[in-house]
Amino acid sequence: MIHLAHNRSVQEIVRAAIQEDVDAIAISSYQGGHIEYFKYLVDQLKSQGAEHIQVFGGGGGVIIPAEIDEL
């Protein structure tokens, strides 16, 4: 497990994930914006040939069923 701490950009997360050859990324979102952030993260992984890395999202907020479908 690699812990990058709080407030990391998508670029920092993707770079670290690829460098460390991870199988998955877990992200928590407490302040909204998770749809855009998670989608951007997945798009960046795909654009860098790392679409095999799974992304898990959660946090203190609620992800409603419609958002689950979108993600």
PDB file of N, CA and C in Angstrom:
ATOM      1  N   MET A   1       0.839  -1.169   0.000  1.00  0.00           N
ATOM      2  CA  MET A   1       0.000   0.000   0.000  1.00  0.00           C
ATOM      3  C   MET A   1       0.888   1.236   0.000  1.00  0.00           C
ATOM      4  N   ILE A   2       0.488   2.196  -0.792  1.00  0.00           N
ATOM      5  CA  ILE A   2       1.183   3.474  -0.873  1.00  0.00           C
ATOM      6  C   ILE A   2       0.181   4.550  -0.481  1.00  0.00           C
ATOM      7  N   HIS A   3       0.524   5.353   0.502  1.00  0.00           N
ATOM      8  CA  HIS A   3      -0.382   6.412   0.963  1.00  0.00           C
ATOM      9  C   HIS A   3       0.183   7.753   0.528  1.00  0.00           C
ATOM     10  N   LEU A   4      -0.579   8.492  -0.257  1.00  0.00           N
ATOM     11  CA  LEU A   4      -0.105   9.781  -0.761  1.00  0.00           C
ATOM     12  C   LEU A   4      -0.586  10.967   0.064  1.00  0.00           C
ATOM     13  N   ALA A   5      -1.339  10.720   1.099  1.00  0.00           N
ATOM     14  CA  ALA A   5      -1.888  11.777   1.962  1.00  0.00           C
ATOM     15  C   ALA A   5      -3.008  12.523   1.247  1.00  0.00           C
ATOM     16  N   HIS A   6      -3.359  13.679   1.767  1.00  0.00           N
ATOM     17  CA  HIS A   6      -4.534  14.421   1.296  1.00  0.00           C
ATOM     18  C   HIS A   6      -4.189  15.393   0.171  1.00  0.00           C
ATOM     19  N   ASN A   7      -5.241  15.807  -0.520  1.00  0.00           N
ATOM     20  CA  ASN A   7      -5.163  16.891  -1.509  1.00  0.00           C
ATOM     21  C   ASN A   7      -4.137  16.639  -2.606  1.00  0.00           C
ATOM     22  N   ARG A   8      -4.212  15.497  -3.227  1.00  0.00           N
ATOM     23  CA  ARG A   8      -3.318  15.168  -4.341  1.00  0.00           C
ATOM     24  C   ARG A   8      -4.056  15.352  -5.660  1.00  0.00           C
ATOM     25  N   SER A   9      -3.341  15.835  -6.646  1.00  0.00           N
ATOM     26  CA  SER A   9      -3.950  16.010  -7.964  1.00  0.00           C
ATOM     27  C   SER A   9      -4.081  14.656  -8.650  1.00  0.00           C
ATOM     28  N   VAL A  10      -4.934  14.619  -9.648  1.00  0.00           N
ATOM     29  CA  VAL A  10      -5.081  13.397 -10.436  1.00  0.00           C
ATOM     30  C   VAL A  10      -3.742  13.016 -11.051  1.00  0.00           C
ATOM     31  N   GLN A  11      -3.005  13.990 -11.552  1.00  0.00           N
ATOM     32  CA  GLN A  11      -1.712  13.698 -12.169  1.00  0.00           C
ATOM     33  C   GLN A  11      -0.753  13.050 -11.180  1.00  0.00           C
ATOM     34  N   GLU A  12      -0.722  13.538  -9.952  1.00  0.00           N
ATOM     35  CA  GLU A  12       0.152  12.951  -8.931  1.00  0.00           C
ATOM     36  C   GLU A  12      -0.246  11.507  -8.629  1.00  0.00           C
ATOM     37  N   ILE A  13      -1.532  11.270  -8.541  1.00  0.00           N
ATOM     38  CA  ILE A  13      -2.018   9.923  -8.226  1.00  0.00           C
ATOM     39  C   ILE A  13      -1.707   8.962  -9.360  1.00  0.00           C
ATOM     40  N   VAL A  14      -1.991   9.371 -10.586  1.00  0.00           N
ATOM     41  CA  VAL A  14      -1.737   8.508 -11.745  1.00  0.00           C
ATOM     42  C   VAL A  14      -0.245   8.224 -11.875  1.00  0.00           C
ATOM     43  N   ARG A  15       0.573   9.247 -11.728  1.00  0.00           N
ATOM     44  CA  ARG A  15       2.031   9.068 -11.832  1.00  0.00           C
ATOM     45  C   ARG A  15       2.530   8.065 -10.791  1.00  0.00           C
ATOM     46  N   ALA A  16       2.109   8.225  -9.552  1.00  0.00           N
ATOM     47  CA  ALA A  16       2.542   7.316  -8.485  1.00  0.00           C
ATOM     48  C   ALA A  16       2.036   5.901  -8.730  1.00  0.00           C
ATOM     49  N   ALA A  17       0.799   5.774  -9.178  1.00  0.00           N
ATOM     50  CA  ALA A  17       0.222   4.449  -9.428  1.00  0.00           C
ATOM     51  C   ALA A  17       0.997   3.706 -10.505  1.00  0.00           C
ATOM     52  N   ILE A  18       1.357   4.406 -11.558  1.00  0.00           N
ATOM     53  CA  ILE A  18       2.115   3.778 -12.647  1.00  0.00           C
ATOM     54  C   ILE A  18       3.536   3.462 -12.194  1.00  0.00           C
ATOM     55  N   GLN A  19       4.188   4.399 -11.521  1.00  0.00           N
ATOM     56  CA  GLN A  19       5.559   4.177 -11.051  1.00  0.00           C
ATOM     57  C   GLN A  19       5.651   3.000 -10.096  1.00  0.00           C
ATOM     58  N   GLU A  20       4.662   2.860  -9.240  1.00  0.00           N
ATOM     59  CA  GLU A  20       4.689   1.805  -8.222  1.00  0.00           C
ATOM     60  C   GLU A  20       4.020   0.514  -8.684  1.00  0.00           C
ATOM     61  N   ASP A  21       3.519   0.506  -9.921  1.00  0.00           N
ATOM     62  CA  ASP A  21       2.899  -0.684 -10.513  1.00  0.00           C
ATOM     63  C   ASP A  21       1.786  -1.248  -9.623  1.00  0.00           C
ATOM     64  N   VAL A  22       0.858  -0.379  -9.236  1.00  0.00           N
ATOM     65  CA  VAL A  22      -0.221  -0.787  -8.341  1.00  0.00           C
ATOM     66  C   VAL A  22      -1.315  -1.535  -9.101  1.00  0.00           C
ATOM     67  N   ASP A  23      -2.112  -2.278  -8.375  1.00  0.00           N
ATOM     68  CA  ASP A  23      -3.267  -2.971  -8.942  1.00  0.00           C
ATOM     69  C   ASP A  23      -4.536  -2.139  -8.814  1.00  0.00           C
ATOM     70  N   ALA A  24      -4.575  -1.248  -7.832  1.00  0.00           N
ATOM     71  CA  ALA A  24      -5.786  -0.477  -7.571  1.00  0.00           C
ATOM     72  C   ALA A  24      -5.453   0.843  -6.888  1.00  0.00           C
ATOM     73  N   ILE A  25      -6.401   1.768  -7.004  1.00  0.00           N
ATOM     74  CA  ILE A  25      -6.325   3.064  -6.339  1.00  0.00           C
ATOM     75  C   ILE A  25      -7.604   3.219  -5.522  1.00  0.00           C
ATOM     76  N   ALA A  26      -7.466   3.622  -4.271  1.00  0.00           N
ATOM     77  CA  ALA A  26      -8.628   3.919  -3.428  1.00  0.00           C
ATOM     78  C   ALA A  26      -8.607   5.410  -3.115  1.00  0.00           C
ATOM     79  N   ILE A  27      -9.731   6.061  -3.346  1.00  0.00           N
ATOM     80  CA  ILE A  27      -9.830   7.501  -3.156  1.00  0.00           C
ATOM     81  C   ILE A  27     -11.020   7.808  -2.265  1.00  0.00           C
ATOM     82  N   SER A  28     -10.849   8.739  -1.359  1.00  0.00           N
ATOM     83  CA  SER A  28     -11.992   9.196  -0.565  1.00  0.00           C
ATOM     84  C   SER A  28     -12.313  10.632  -0.961  1.00  0.00           C
ATOM     85  N   SER A  29     -13.596  10.928  -0.969  1.00  0.00           N
ATOM     86  CA  SER A  29     -14.064  12.261  -1.330  1.00  0.00           C
ATOM     87  C   SER A  29     -15.068  12.714  -0.288  1.00  0.00           C
ATOM     88  N   TYR A  30     -14.764  13.808   0.361  1.00  0.00           N
ATOM     89  CA  TYR A  30     -15.626  14.303   1.427  1.00  0.00           C
ATOM     90  C   TYR A  30     -16.323  15.610   1.076  1.00  0.00           C
ATOM     91  N   GLN A  31     -15.941  16.238  -0.026  1.00  0.00           N
ATOM     92  CA  GLN A  31     -16.440  17.588  -0.268  1.00  0.00           C
ATOM     93  C   GLN A  31     -17.100  17.758  -1.625  1.00  0.00           C
ATOM     94  N   GLY A  32     -17.635  16.692  -2.170  1.00  0.00           N
ATOM     95  CA  GLY A  32     -18.287  16.802  -3.466  1.00  0.00           C
ATOM     96  C   GLY A  32     -17.281  16.807  -4.603  1.00  0.00           C
ATOM     97  N   GLY A  33     -17.787  16.876  -5.804  1.00  0.00           N
ATOM     98  CA  GLY A  33     -16.932  16.866  -6.981  1.00  0.00           C
ATOM     99  C   GLY A  33     -16.399  15.497  -7.327  1.00  0.00           C
ATOM    100  N   HIS A  34     -16.903  14.469  -6.650  1.00  0.00           N
ATOM    101  CA  HIS A  34     -16.355  13.130  -6.847  1.00  0.00           C
ATOM    102  C   HIS A  34     -16.631  12.591  -8.241  1.00  0.00           C
ATOM    103  N   ILE A  35     -17.767  12.913  -8.831  1.00  0.00           N
ATOM    104  CA  ILE A  35     -18.072  12.420 -10.175  1.00  0.00           C
ATOM    105  C   ILE A  35     -16.991  12.895 -11.144  1.00  0.00           C
ATOM    106  N   GLU A  36     -16.760  14.186 -11.182  1.00  0.00           N
ATOM    107  CA  GLU A  36     -15.778  14.753 -12.104  1.00  0.00           C
ATOM    108  C   GLU A  36     -14.374  14.246 -11.803  1.00  0.00           C
ATOM    109  N   TYR A  37     -14.025  14.208 -10.525  1.00  0.00           N
ATOM    110  CA  TYR A  37     -12.674  13.800 -10.127  1.00  0.00           C
ATOM    111  C   TYR A  37     -12.422  12.340 -10.484  1.00  0.00           C
ATOM    112  N   PHE A  38     -13.359  11.464 -10.138  1.00  0.00           N
ATOM    113  CA  PHE A  38     -13.172  10.038 -10.416  1.00  0.00           C
ATOM    114  C   PHE A  38     -13.142   9.773 -11.918  1.00  0.00           C
ATOM    115  N   LYS A  39     -14.018  10.442 -12.672  1.00  0.00           N
ATOM    116  CA  LYS A  39     -14.023  10.257 -14.128  1.00  0.00           C
ATOM    117  C   LYS A  39     -12.696  10.723 -14.732  1.00  0.00           C
ATOM    118  N   TYR A  40     -12.221  11.867 -14.280  1.00  0.00           N
ATOM    119  CA  TYR A  40     -10.954  12.393 -14.779  1.00  0.00           C
ATOM    120  C   TYR A  40      -9.810  11.435 -14.448  1.00  0.00           C
ATOM    121  N   LEU A  41      -9.826  10.866 -13.267  1.00  0.00           N
ATOM    122  CA  LEU A  41      -8.809   9.905 -12.865  1.00  0.00           C
ATOM    123  C   LEU A  41      -8.812   8.695 -13.799  1.00  0.00           C
ATOM    124  N   VAL A  42      -9.981   8.149 -14.055  1.00  0.00           N
ATOM    125  CA  VAL A  42     -10.091   6.986 -14.945  1.00  0.00           C
ATOM    126  C   VAL A  42      -9.646   7.360 -16.361  1.00  0.00           C
ATOM    127  N   ASP A  43     -10.045   8.535 -16.842  1.00  0.00           N
ATOM    128  CA  ASP A  43      -9.629   8.987 -18.174  1.00  0.00           C
ATOM    129  C   ASP A  43      -8.115   9.116 -18.266  1.00  0.00           C
ATOM    130  N   GLN A  44      -7.489   9.654 -17.232  1.00  0.00           N
ATOM    131  CA  GLN A  44      -6.034   9.806 -17.239  1.00  0.00           C
ATOM    132  C   GLN A  44      -5.320   8.457 -17.197  1.00  0.00           C
ATOM    133  N   LEU A  45      -5.849   7.526 -16.439  1.00  0.00           N
ATOM    134  CA  LEU A  45      -5.268   6.178 -16.422  1.00  0.00           C
ATOM    135  C   LEU A  45      -5.339   5.570 -17.818  1.00  0.00           C
ATOM    136  N   LYS A  46      -6.492   5.687 -18.469  1.00  0.00           N
ATOM    137  CA  LYS A  46      -6.660   5.145 -19.825  1.00  0.00           C
ATOM    138  C   LYS A  46      -5.699   5.801 -20.800  1.00  0.00           C
ATOM    139  N   SER A  47      -5.569   7.119 -20.721  1.00  0.00           N
ATOM    140  CA  SER A  47      -4.717   7.836 -21.670  1.00  0.00           C
ATOM    141  C   SER A  47      -3.245   7.478 -21.507  1.00  0.00           C
ATOM    142  N   GLN A  48      -2.880   6.955 -20.341  1.00  0.00           N
ATOM    143  CA  GLN A  48      -1.490   6.581 -20.101  1.00  0.00           C
ATOM    144  C   GLN A  48      -1.282   5.072 -20.163  1.00  0.00           C
ATOM    145  N   GLY A  49      -2.273   4.357 -20.710  1.00  0.00           N
ATOM    146  CA  GLY A  49      -2.139   2.916 -20.876  1.00  0.00           C
ATOM    147  C   GLY A  49      -2.247   2.133 -19.585  1.00  0.00           C
ATOM    148  N   ALA A  50      -2.889   2.703 -18.586  1.00  0.00           N
ATOM    149  CA  ALA A  50      -2.985   2.046 -17.282  1.00  0.00           C
ATOM    150  C   ALA A  50      -4.438   1.752 -16.910  1.00  0.00           C
ATOM    151  N   GLU A  51      -5.253   1.460 -17.916  1.00  0.00           N
ATOM    152  CA  GLU A  51      -6.668   1.195 -17.650  1.00  0.00           C
ATOM    153  C   GLU A  51      -6.902  -0.074 -16.853  1.00  0.00           C
ATOM    154  N   HIS A  52      -5.870  -0.889 -16.700  1.00  0.00           N
ATOM    155  CA  HIS A  52      -5.986  -2.112 -15.891  1.00  0.00           C
ATOM    156  C   HIS A  52      -6.022  -1.811 -14.388  1.00  0.00           C
ATOM    157  N   ILE A  53      -5.643  -0.600 -13.995  1.00  0.00           N
ATOM    158  CA  ILE A  53      -5.660  -0.230 -12.580  1.00  0.00           C
ATOM    159  C   ILE A  53      -7.104   0.061 -12.170  1.00  0.00           C
ATOM    160  N   GLN A  54      -7.586  -0.655 -11.182  1.00  0.00           N
ATOM    161  CA  GLN A  54      -8.950  -0.465 -10.696  1.00  0.00           C
ATOM    162  C   GLN A  54      -9.018   0.758  -9.790  1.00  0.00           C
ATOM    163  N   VAL A  55     -10.167   1.433  -9.814  1.00  0.00           N
ATOM    164  CA  VAL A  55     -10.377   2.618  -8.985  1.00  0.00           C
ATOM    165  C   VAL A  55     -11.555   2.364  -8.054  1.00  0.00           C
ATOM    166  N   PHE A  56     -11.331   2.584  -6.765  1.00  0.00           N
ATOM    167  CA  PHE A  56     -12.368   2.443  -5.743  1.00  0.00           C
ATOM    168  C   PHE A  56     -12.570   3.805  -5.097  1.00  0.00           C
ATOM    169  N   GLY A  57     -13.810   4.248  -5.002  1.00  0.00           N
ATOM    170  CA  GLY A  57     -14.096   5.551  -4.426  1.00  0.00           C
ATOM    171  C   GLY A  57     -15.079   5.461  -3.283  1.00  0.00           C
ATOM    172  N   GLY A  58     -14.915   6.347  -2.328  1.00  0.00           N
ATOM    173  CA  GLY A  58     -15.826   6.405  -1.194  1.00  0.00           C
ATOM    174  C   GLY A  58     -15.523   7.644  -0.385  1.00  0.00           C
ATOM    175  N   GLY A  59     -15.967   7.656   0.837  1.00  0.00           N
ATOM    176  CA  GLY A  59     -15.697   8.793   1.702  1.00  0.00           C
ATOM    177  C   GLY A  59     -16.836   9.049   2.649  1.00  0.00           C
ATOM    178  N   GLY A  60     -16.855  10.243   3.177  1.00  0.00           N
ATOM    179  CA  GLY A  60     -17.858  10.596   4.168  1.00  0.00           C
ATOM    180  C   GLY A  60     -19.178  11.032   3.581  1.00  0.00           C
ATOM    181  N   GLY A  61     -19.178  11.360   2.292  1.00  0.00           N
ATOM    182  CA  GLY A  61     -20.410  11.791   1.649  1.00  0.00           C
ATOM    183  C   GLY A  61     -21.178  10.618   1.077  1.00  0.00           C
ATOM    184  N   VAL A  62     -22.307  10.937   0.509  1.00  0.00           N
ATOM    185  CA  VAL A  62     -23.167   9.916  -0.078  1.00  0.00           C
ATOM    186  C   VAL A  62     -23.000   9.936  -1.590  1.00  0.00           C
ATOM    187  N   ILE A  63     -22.802   8.768  -2.165  1.00  0.00           N
ATOM    188  CA  ILE A  63     -22.836   8.615  -3.615  1.00  0.00           C
ATOM    189  C   ILE A  63     -24.184   7.984  -3.920  1.00  0.00           C
ATOM    190  N   ILE A  64     -25.055   8.755  -4.555  1.00  0.00           N
ATOM    191  CA  ILE A  64     -26.424   8.303  -4.785  1.00  0.00           C
ATOM    192  C   ILE A  64     -26.482   7.315  -5.950  1.00  0.00           C
ATOM    193  N   PRO A  65     -27.552   6.520  -6.037  1.00  0.00           N
ATOM    194  CA  PRO A  65     -27.658   5.500  -7.091  1.00  0.00           C
ATOM    195  C   PRO A  65     -27.426   6.032  -8.503  1.00  0.00           C
ATOM    196  N   ALA A  66     -27.940   7.200  -8.829  1.00  0.00           N
ATOM    197  CA  ALA A  66     -27.732   7.757 -10.168  1.00  0.00           C
ATOM    198  C   ALA A  66     -26.252   8.023 -10.426  1.00  0.00           C
ATOM    199  N   GLU A  67     -25.529   8.454  -9.400  1.00  0.00           N
ATOM    200  CA  GLU A  67     -24.091   8.691  -9.547  1.00  0.00           C
ATOM    201  C   GLU A  67     -23.335   7.379  -9.684  1.00  0.00           C
ATOM    202  N   ILE A  68     -23.775   6.364  -8.987  1.00  0.00           N
ATOM    203  CA  ILE A  68     -23.149   5.042  -9.103  1.00  0.00           C
ATOM    204  C   ILE A  68     -23.255   4.563 -10.538  1.00  0.00           C
ATOM    205  N   ASP A  69     -24.445   4.703 -11.126  1.00  0.00           N
ATOM    206  CA  ASP A  69     -24.640   4.297 -12.519  1.00  0.00           C
ATOM    207  C   ASP A  69     -23.727   5.082 -13.450  1.00  0.00           C
ATOM    208  N   GLU A  70     -23.584   6.377 -13.195  1.00  0.00           N
ATOM    209  CA  GLU A  70     -22.737   7.224 -14.034  1.00  0.00           C
ATOM    210  C   GLU A  70     -21.267   6.849 -13.910  1.00  0.00           C
ATOM    211  N   LEU A  71     -20.858   6.508 -12.707  1.00  0.00           N
ATOM    212  CA  LEU A  71     -19.464   6.127 -12.489  1.00  0.00           C
ATOM    213  C   LEU A  71     -19.207   4.736 -13.017  1.00  0.00           C
TER     214      LEU A  71
END
